[in-house]
Amino acid sequence: MWVAQYWYFRNMIIYKNLADLVSSSDDRIFVLYGAGHIHLLKQLLIESNIFNVKTAQDYLSN
């Protein structure tokens, strides 16, 4: 239970740090995290309506 709660908390800290970096809508931020973080971070970023999220998959597939 502790690991699950810490994992969510850790992803929230990552999200907060990314949100703090944004100073204008023209900013671009490159984020590289392991696959274990992708699902939750992507969900947090998209649902915030602050970020336009693109993944490597968006650029690598035809």
PDB file of N, CA and C in Angstrom:
ATOM      1  N   MET A   1       0.824  -1.188   0.000  1.00  0.00           N
ATOM      2  CA  MET A   1       0.000   0.000   0.000  1.00  0.00           C
ATOM      3  C   MET A   1       0.874   1.260   0.000  1.00  0.00           C
ATOM      4  N   TRP A   2       1.946   1.251   0.795  1.00  0.00           N
ATOM      5  CA  TRP A   2       2.836   2.405   0.866  1.00  0.00           C
ATOM      6  C   TRP A   2       3.455   2.701  -0.497  1.00  0.00           C
ATOM      7  N   VAL A   3       3.875   1.639  -1.183  1.00  0.00           N
ATOM      8  CA  VAL A   3       4.507   1.812  -2.499  1.00  0.00           C
ATOM      9  C   VAL A   3       3.527   2.444  -3.477  1.00  0.00           C
ATOM     10  N   ALA A   4       2.291   1.986  -3.495  1.00  0.00           N
ATOM     11  CA  ALA A   4       1.286   2.535  -4.412  1.00  0.00           C
ATOM     12  C   ALA A   4       1.022   4.004  -4.109  1.00  0.00           C
ATOM     13  N   GLN A   5       0.903   4.351  -2.839  1.00  0.00           N
ATOM     14  CA  GLN A   5       0.659   5.751  -2.474  1.00  0.00           C
ATOM     15  C   GLN A   5       1.868   6.616  -2.799  1.00  0.00           C
ATOM     16  N   TYR A   6       3.061   6.117  -2.534  1.00  0.00           N
ATOM     17  CA  TYR A   6       4.268   6.880  -2.832  1.00  0.00           C
ATOM     18  C   TYR A   6       4.417   7.075  -4.337  1.00  0.00           C
ATOM     19  N   TRP A   7       4.089   6.052  -5.107  1.00  0.00           N
ATOM     20  CA  TRP A   7       4.212   6.128  -6.564  1.00  0.00           C
ATOM     21  C   TRP A   7       3.319   7.238  -7.117  1.00  0.00           C
ATOM     22  N   TYR A   8       2.086   7.296  -6.640  1.00  0.00           N
ATOM     23  CA  TYR A   8       1.165   8.343  -7.073  1.00  0.00           C
ATOM     24  C   TYR A   8       1.683   9.714  -6.627  1.00  0.00           C
ATOM     25  N   PHE A   9       2.123   9.808  -5.378  1.00  0.00           N
ATOM     26  CA  PHE A   9       2.669  11.057  -4.844  1.00  0.00           C
ATOM     27  C   PHE A   9       3.878  11.505  -5.648  1.00  0.00           C
ATOM     28  N   ARG A  10       4.754  10.567  -5.985  1.00  0.00           N
ATOM     29  CA  ARG A  10       5.957  10.880  -6.775  1.00  0.00           C
ATOM     30  C   ARG A  10       5.566  11.455  -8.134  1.00  0.00           C
ATOM     31  N   ASN A  11       4.579  10.879  -8.787  1.00  0.00           N
ATOM     32  CA  ASN A  11       4.123  11.377 -10.083  1.00  0.00           C
ATOM     33  C   ASN A  11       3.470  12.754  -9.963  1.00  0.00           C
ATOM     34  N   MET A  12       2.800  13.006  -8.859  1.00  0.00           N
ATOM     35  CA  MET A  12       2.227  14.330  -8.634  1.00  0.00           C
ATOM     36  C   MET A  12       3.328  15.383  -8.466  1.00  0.00           C
ATOM     37  N   ILE A  13       4.417  15.017  -7.804  1.00  0.00           N
ATOM     38  CA  ILE A  13       5.551  15.935  -7.664  1.00  0.00           C
ATOM     39  C   ILE A  13       6.173  16.221  -9.029  1.00  0.00           C
ATOM     40  N   ILE A  14       6.324  15.197  -9.841  1.00  0.00           N
ATOM     41  CA  ILE A  14       6.863  15.378 -11.191  1.00  0.00           C
ATOM     42  C   ILE A  14       5.958  16.324 -11.977  1.00  0.00           C
ATOM     43  N   TYR A  15       4.640  16.094 -11.911  1.00  0.00           N
ATOM     44  CA  TYR A  15       3.686  16.960 -12.607  1.00  0.00           C
ATOM     45  C   TYR A  15       3.804  18.411 -12.131  1.00  0.00           C
ATOM     46  N   LYS A  16       3.868  18.612 -10.823  1.00  0.00           N
ATOM     47  CA  LYS A  16       3.980  19.958 -10.265  1.00  0.00           C
ATOM     48  C   LYS A  16       5.245  20.644 -10.768  1.00  0.00           C
ATOM     49  N   ASN A  17       6.352  19.924 -10.791  1.00  0.00           N
ATOM     50  CA  ASN A  17       7.603  20.505 -11.278  1.00  0.00           C
ATOM     51  C   ASN A  17       7.503  20.904 -12.745  1.00  0.00           C
ATOM     52  N   LEU A  18       6.826  20.099 -13.539  1.00  0.00           N
ATOM     53  CA  LEU A  18       6.635  20.436 -14.957  1.00  0.00           C
ATOM     54  C   LEU A  18       5.730  21.654 -15.102  1.00  0.00           C
ATOM     55  N   ALA A  19       4.648  21.696 -14.346  1.00  0.00           N
ATOM     56  CA  ALA A  19       3.720  22.828 -14.413  1.00  0.00           C
ATOM     57  C   ALA A  19       4.416  24.119 -13.989  1.00  0.00           C
ATOM     58  N   ASP A  20       5.310  24.036 -13.020  1.00  0.00           N
ATOM     59  CA  ASP A  20       6.044  25.222 -12.571  1.00  0.00           C
ATOM     60  C   ASP A  20       6.994  25.764 -13.634  1.00  0.00           C
ATOM     61  N   LEU A  21       7.390  24.934 -14.579  1.00  0.00           N
ATOM     62  CA  LEU A  21       8.305  25.364 -15.643  1.00  0.00           C
ATOM     63  C   LEU A  21       7.615  26.220 -16.710  1.00  0.00           C
ATOM     64  N   VAL A  22       6.316  26.084 -16.843  1.00  0.00           N
ATOM     65  CA  VAL A  22       5.572  26.757 -17.904  1.00  0.00           C
ATOM     66  C   VAL A  22       5.403  28.238 -17.567  1.00  0.00           C
ATOM     67  N   SER A  23       5.877  29.085 -18.486  1.00  0.00           N
ATOM     68  CA  SER A  23       5.685  30.519 -18.283  1.00  0.00           C
ATOM     69  C   SER A  23       4.860  31.140 -19.403  1.00  0.00           C
ATOM     70  N   SER A  24       4.733  30.441 -20.532  1.00  0.00           N
ATOM     71  CA  SER A  24       3.877  30.924 -21.616  1.00  0.00           C
ATOM     72  C   SER A  24       3.383  29.734 -22.427  1.00  0.00           C
ATOM     73  N   SER A  25       2.378  29.986 -23.251  1.00  0.00           N
ATOM     74  CA  SER A  25       1.821  28.899 -24.068  1.00  0.00           C
ATOM     75  C   SER A  25       2.763  28.492 -25.206  1.00  0.00           C
ATOM     76  N   ASP A  26       3.814  29.267 -25.427  1.00  0.00           N
ATOM     77  CA  ASP A  26       4.783  28.940 -26.475  1.00  0.00           C
ATOM     78  C   ASP A  26       5.926  28.063 -25.973  1.00  0.00           C
ATOM     79  N   ASP A  27       5.992  27.815 -24.674  1.00  0.00           N
ATOM     80  CA  ASP A  27       7.065  26.994 -24.100  1.00  0.00           C
ATOM     81  C   ASP A  27       6.967  25.558 -24.586  1.00  0.00           C
ATOM     82  N   ARG A  28       8.133  24.953 -24.766  1.00  0.00           N
ATOM     83  CA  ARG A  28       8.205  23.526 -25.091  1.00  0.00           C
ATOM     84  C   ARG A  28       9.075  22.871 -24.030  1.00  0.00           C
ATOM     85  N   ILE A  29       8.618  21.744 -23.541  1.00  0.00           N
ATOM     86  CA  ILE A  29       9.340  21.019 -22.504  1.00  0.00           C
ATOM     87  C   ILE A  29       9.507  19.577 -22.960  1.00  0.00           C
ATOM     88  N   PHE A  30      10.739  19.107 -22.955  1.00  0.00           N
ATOM     89  CA  PHE A  30      11.024  17.710 -23.277  1.00  0.00           C
ATOM     90  C   PHE A  30      11.135  16.947 -21.970  1.00  0.00           C
ATOM     91  N   VAL A  31      10.353  15.894 -21.842  1.00  0.00           N
ATOM     92  CA  VAL A  31      10.337  15.099 -20.616  1.00  0.00           C
ATOM     93  C   VAL A  31      10.700  13.665 -20.964  1.00  0.00           C
ATOM     94  N   LEU A  32      11.649  13.113 -20.236  1.00  0.00           N
ATOM     95  CA  LEU A  32      12.063  11.727 -20.450  1.00  0.00           C
ATOM     96  C   LEU A  32      11.957  10.984 -19.126  1.00  0.00           C
ATOM     97  N   TYR A  33      10.997  10.078 -19.046  1.00  0.00           N
ATOM     98  CA  TYR A  33      10.798   9.253 -17.851  1.00  0.00           C
ATOM     99  C   TYR A  33      10.599   7.821 -18.285  1.00  0.00           C
ATOM    100  N   GLY A  34      10.769   6.920 -17.355  1.00  0.00           N
ATOM    101  CA  GLY A  34      10.594   5.504 -17.633  1.00  0.00           C
ATOM    102  C   GLY A  34       9.141   5.147 -17.904  1.00  0.00           C
ATOM    103  N   ALA A  35       8.968   3.979 -18.488  1.00  0.00           N
ATOM    104  CA  ALA A  35       7.644   3.526 -18.910  1.00  0.00           C
ATOM    105  C   ALA A  35       6.660   3.411 -17.744  1.00  0.00           C
ATOM    106  N   GLY A  36       7.149   3.173 -16.546  1.00  0.00           N
ATOM    107  CA  GLY A  36       6.270   3.057 -15.398  1.00  0.00           C
ATOM    108  C   GLY A  36       5.571   4.361 -15.043  1.00  0.00           C
ATOM    109  N   HIS A  37       6.140   5.481 -15.459  1.00  0.00           N
ATOM    110  CA  HIS A  37       5.556   6.783 -15.155  1.00  0.00           C
ATOM    111  C   HIS A  37       4.628   7.283 -16.267  1.00  0.00           C
ATOM    112  N   ILE A  38       4.761   6.751 -17.452  1.00  0.00           N
ATOM    113  CA  ILE A  38       4.086   7.301 -18.632  1.00  0.00           C
ATOM    114  C   ILE A  38       2.578   7.428 -18.461  1.00  0.00           C
ATOM    115  N   HIS A  39       1.920   6.365 -18.069  1.00  0.00           N
ATOM    116  CA  HIS A  39       0.453   6.384 -18.036  1.00  0.00           C
ATOM    117  C   HIS A  39      -0.072   7.484 -17.117  1.00  0.00           C
ATOM    118  N   LEU A  40       0.398   7.514 -15.892  1.00  0.00           N
ATOM    119  CA  LEU A  40      -0.123   8.491 -14.931  1.00  0.00           C
ATOM    120  C   LEU A  40       0.309   9.912 -15.277  1.00  0.00           C
ATOM    121  N   LEU A  41       1.570  10.105 -15.653  1.00  0.00           N
ATOM    122  CA  LEU A  41       2.018  11.457 -16.016  1.00  0.00           C
ATOM    123  C   LEU A  41       1.250  11.989 -17.218  1.00  0.00           C
ATOM    124  N   LYS A  42       1.069  11.157 -18.228  1.00  0.00           N
ATOM    125  CA  LYS A  42       0.332  11.585 -19.410  1.00  0.00           C
ATOM    126  C   LYS A  42      -1.101  11.970 -19.038  1.00  0.00           C
ATOM    127  N   GLN A  43      -1.721  11.179 -18.194  1.00  0.00           N
ATOM    128  CA  GLN A  43      -3.088  11.475 -17.748  1.00  0.00           C
ATOM    129  C   GLN A  43      -3.136  12.810 -17.002  1.00  0.00           C
ATOM    130  N   LEU A  44      -2.221  13.028 -16.075  1.00  0.00           N
ATOM    131  CA  LEU A  44      -2.189  14.277 -15.315  1.00  0.00           C
ATOM    132  C   LEU A  44      -1.953  15.477 -16.226  1.00  0.00           C
ATOM    133  N   LEU A  45      -1.020  15.349 -17.162  1.00  0.00           N
ATOM    134  CA  LEU A  45      -0.685  16.456 -18.060  1.00  0.00           C
ATOM    135  C   LEU A  45      -1.841  16.797 -18.997  1.00  0.00           C
ATOM    136  N   ILE A  46      -2.476  15.796 -19.557  1.00  0.00           N
ATOM    137  CA  ILE A  46      -3.584  16.032 -20.489  1.00  0.00           C
ATOM    138  C   ILE A  46      -4.788  16.632 -19.760  1.00  0.00           C
ATOM    139  N   GLU A  47      -5.124  16.081 -18.607  1.00  0.00           N
ATOM    140  CA  GLU A  47      -6.311  16.535 -17.883  1.00  0.00           C
ATOM    141  C   GLU A  47      -6.142  17.930 -17.286  1.00  0.00           C
ATOM    142  N   SER A  48      -4.908  18.411 -17.180  1.00  0.00           N
ATOM    143  CA  SER A  48      -4.683  19.749 -16.637  1.00  0.00           C
ATOM    144  C   SER A  48      -5.068  20.846 -17.629  1.00  0.00           C
ATOM    145  N   ASN A  49      -5.150  20.505 -18.906  1.00  0.00           N
ATOM    146  CA  ASN A  49      -5.405  21.472 -19.985  1.00  0.00           C
ATOM    147  C   ASN A  49      -4.347  22.571 -20.062  1.00  0.00           C
ATOM    148  N   ILE A  50      -3.191  22.316 -19.489  1.00  0.00           N
ATOM    149  CA  ILE A  50      -2.060  23.245 -19.593  1.00  0.00           C
ATOM    150  C   ILE A  50      -1.125  22.787 -20.698  1.00  0.00           C
ATOM    151  N   PHE A  51      -1.075  21.480 -20.913  1.00  0.00           N
ATOM    152  CA  PHE A  51      -0.098  20.884 -21.818  1.00  0.00           C
ATOM    153  C   PHE A  51      -0.741  20.279 -23.060  1.00  0.00           C
ATOM    154  N   ASN A  52      -0.025  20.352 -24.149  1.00  0.00           N
ATOM    155  CA  ASN A  52      -0.363  19.627 -25.365  1.00  0.00           C
ATOM    156  C   ASN A  52       0.655  18.495 -25.446  1.00  0.00           C
ATOM    157  N   VAL A  53       0.255  17.309 -25.065  1.00  0.00           N
ATOM    158  CA  VAL A  53       1.173  16.193 -24.895  1.00  0.00           C
ATOM    159  C   VAL A  53       1.396  15.464 -26.211  1.00  0.00           C
ATOM    160  N   LYS A  54       2.659  15.271 -26.552  1.00  0.00           N
ATOM    161  CA  LYS A  54       3.065  14.453 -27.689  1.00  0.00           C
ATOM    162  C   LYS A  54       4.028  13.410 -27.165  1.00  0.00           C
ATOM    163  N   THR A  55       3.885  12.197 -27.620  1.00  0.00           N
ATOM    164  CA  THR A  55       4.803  11.123 -27.195  1.00  0.00           C
ATOM    165  C   THR A  55       5.732  10.776 -28.343  1.00  0.00           C
ATOM    166  N   ALA A  56       6.767  10.031 -28.029  1.00  0.00           N
ATOM    167  CA  ALA A  56       7.700   9.585 -29.068  1.00  0.00           C
ATOM    168  C   ALA A  56       6.948   8.794 -30.142  1.00  0.00           C
ATOM    169  N   GLN A  57       5.953   8.049 -29.718  1.00  0.00           N
ATOM    170  CA  GLN A  57       5.148   7.251 -30.647  1.00  0.00           C
ATOM    171  C   GLN A  57       4.505   8.139 -31.725  1.00  0.00           C
ATOM    172  N   ASP A  58       4.117   9.353 -31.365  1.00  0.00           N
ATOM    173  CA  ASP A  58       3.509  10.280 -32.320  1.00  0.00           C
ATOM    174  C   ASP A  58       4.462  10.634 -33.451  1.00  0.00           C
ATOM    175  N   TYR A  59       5.747  10.604 -33.189  1.00  0.00           N
ATOM    176  CA  TYR A  59       6.740  10.984 -34.190  1.00  0.00           C
ATOM    177  C   TYR A  59       7.369   9.797 -34.893  1.00  0.00           C
ATOM    178  N   LEU A  60       7.332   8.620 -34.263  1.00  0.00           N
ATOM    179  CA  LEU A  60       8.002   7.456 -34.818  1.00  0.00           C
ATOM    180  C   LEU A  60       7.129   6.597 -35.715  1.00  0.00           C
ATOM    181  N   SER A  61       5.808   6.711 -35.576  1.00  0.00           N
ATOM    182  CA  SER A  61       4.928   5.890 -36.403  1.00  0.00           C
ATOM    183  C   SER A  61       4.496   6.652 -37.650  1.00  0.00           C
ATOM    184  N   ASN A  62       4.219   5.921 -38.686  1.00  0.00           N
ATOM    185  CA  ASN A  62       3.793   6.539 -39.953  1.00  0.00           C
ATOM    186  C   ASN A  62       2.312   6.471 -40.100  1.00  0.00           C
TER     187      ASN A  62
END
